[in-house]
Protein backbone atom coordinates (compact mmCIF):
# COMPACT_ATOMS: atom_id res chain seq x y z
CA MET A 1 -23.62 7.16 3.01
CA ASP A 2 -20.42 7.66 4.99
CA GLN A 3 -19.80 3.93 5.34
CA GLU A 4 -20.16 3.43 1.59
CA ASP A 5 -17.83 6.35 0.92
CA ASN A 6 -15.23 5.14 3.42
CA TYR A 7 -15.05 1.55 2.19
CA PRO A 8 -13.30 2.31 -1.12
CA VAL A 9 -10.96 4.73 0.64
CA LYS A 10 -9.84 2.02 3.05
CA TYR A 11 -9.55 -0.44 0.15
CA PHE A 12 -7.36 1.89 -1.90
CA LYS A 13 -5.28 2.79 1.16
CA SER A 14 -4.66 -0.93 1.69
CA LEU A 15 -3.54 -1.26 -1.93
CA ASN A 16 -1.19 1.70 -1.52
CA LEU A 17 0.29 0.18 1.64
CA GLU A 18 0.91 -3.10 -0.20
CA GLU A 19 2.59 -1.24 -3.06
CA THR A 20 4.69 0.80 -0.63
CA LYS A 21 5.86 -2.37 1.12
CA SER A 22 6.82 -3.91 -2.23
CA ILE A 23 8.79 -0.80 -3.21
CA GLU A 24 10.58 -0.78 0.15
CA ASP A 25 11.35 -4.50 -0.18
CA ILE A 26 12.83 -3.93 -3.65
CA ALA A 27 14.91 -1.02 -2.35
CA ASN A 28 16.17 -3.15 0.54
CA ASP A 29 17.07 -5.99 -1.83
CA SER A 30 19.06 -3.58 -4.01
CA ASN A 31 20.91 -2.22 -0.98
CA ASN A 32 21.72 -5.71 0.29
CA ASN A 33 23.21 -6.70 -3.07
């Protein structure tokens, strides 16, 4: 049960990390320009 519950959590955390990176990249691009 725990493994099944943890899988989606890790998956969504990965998505959030990707989104956070994208937001940081956009912010950095704006600062550089």
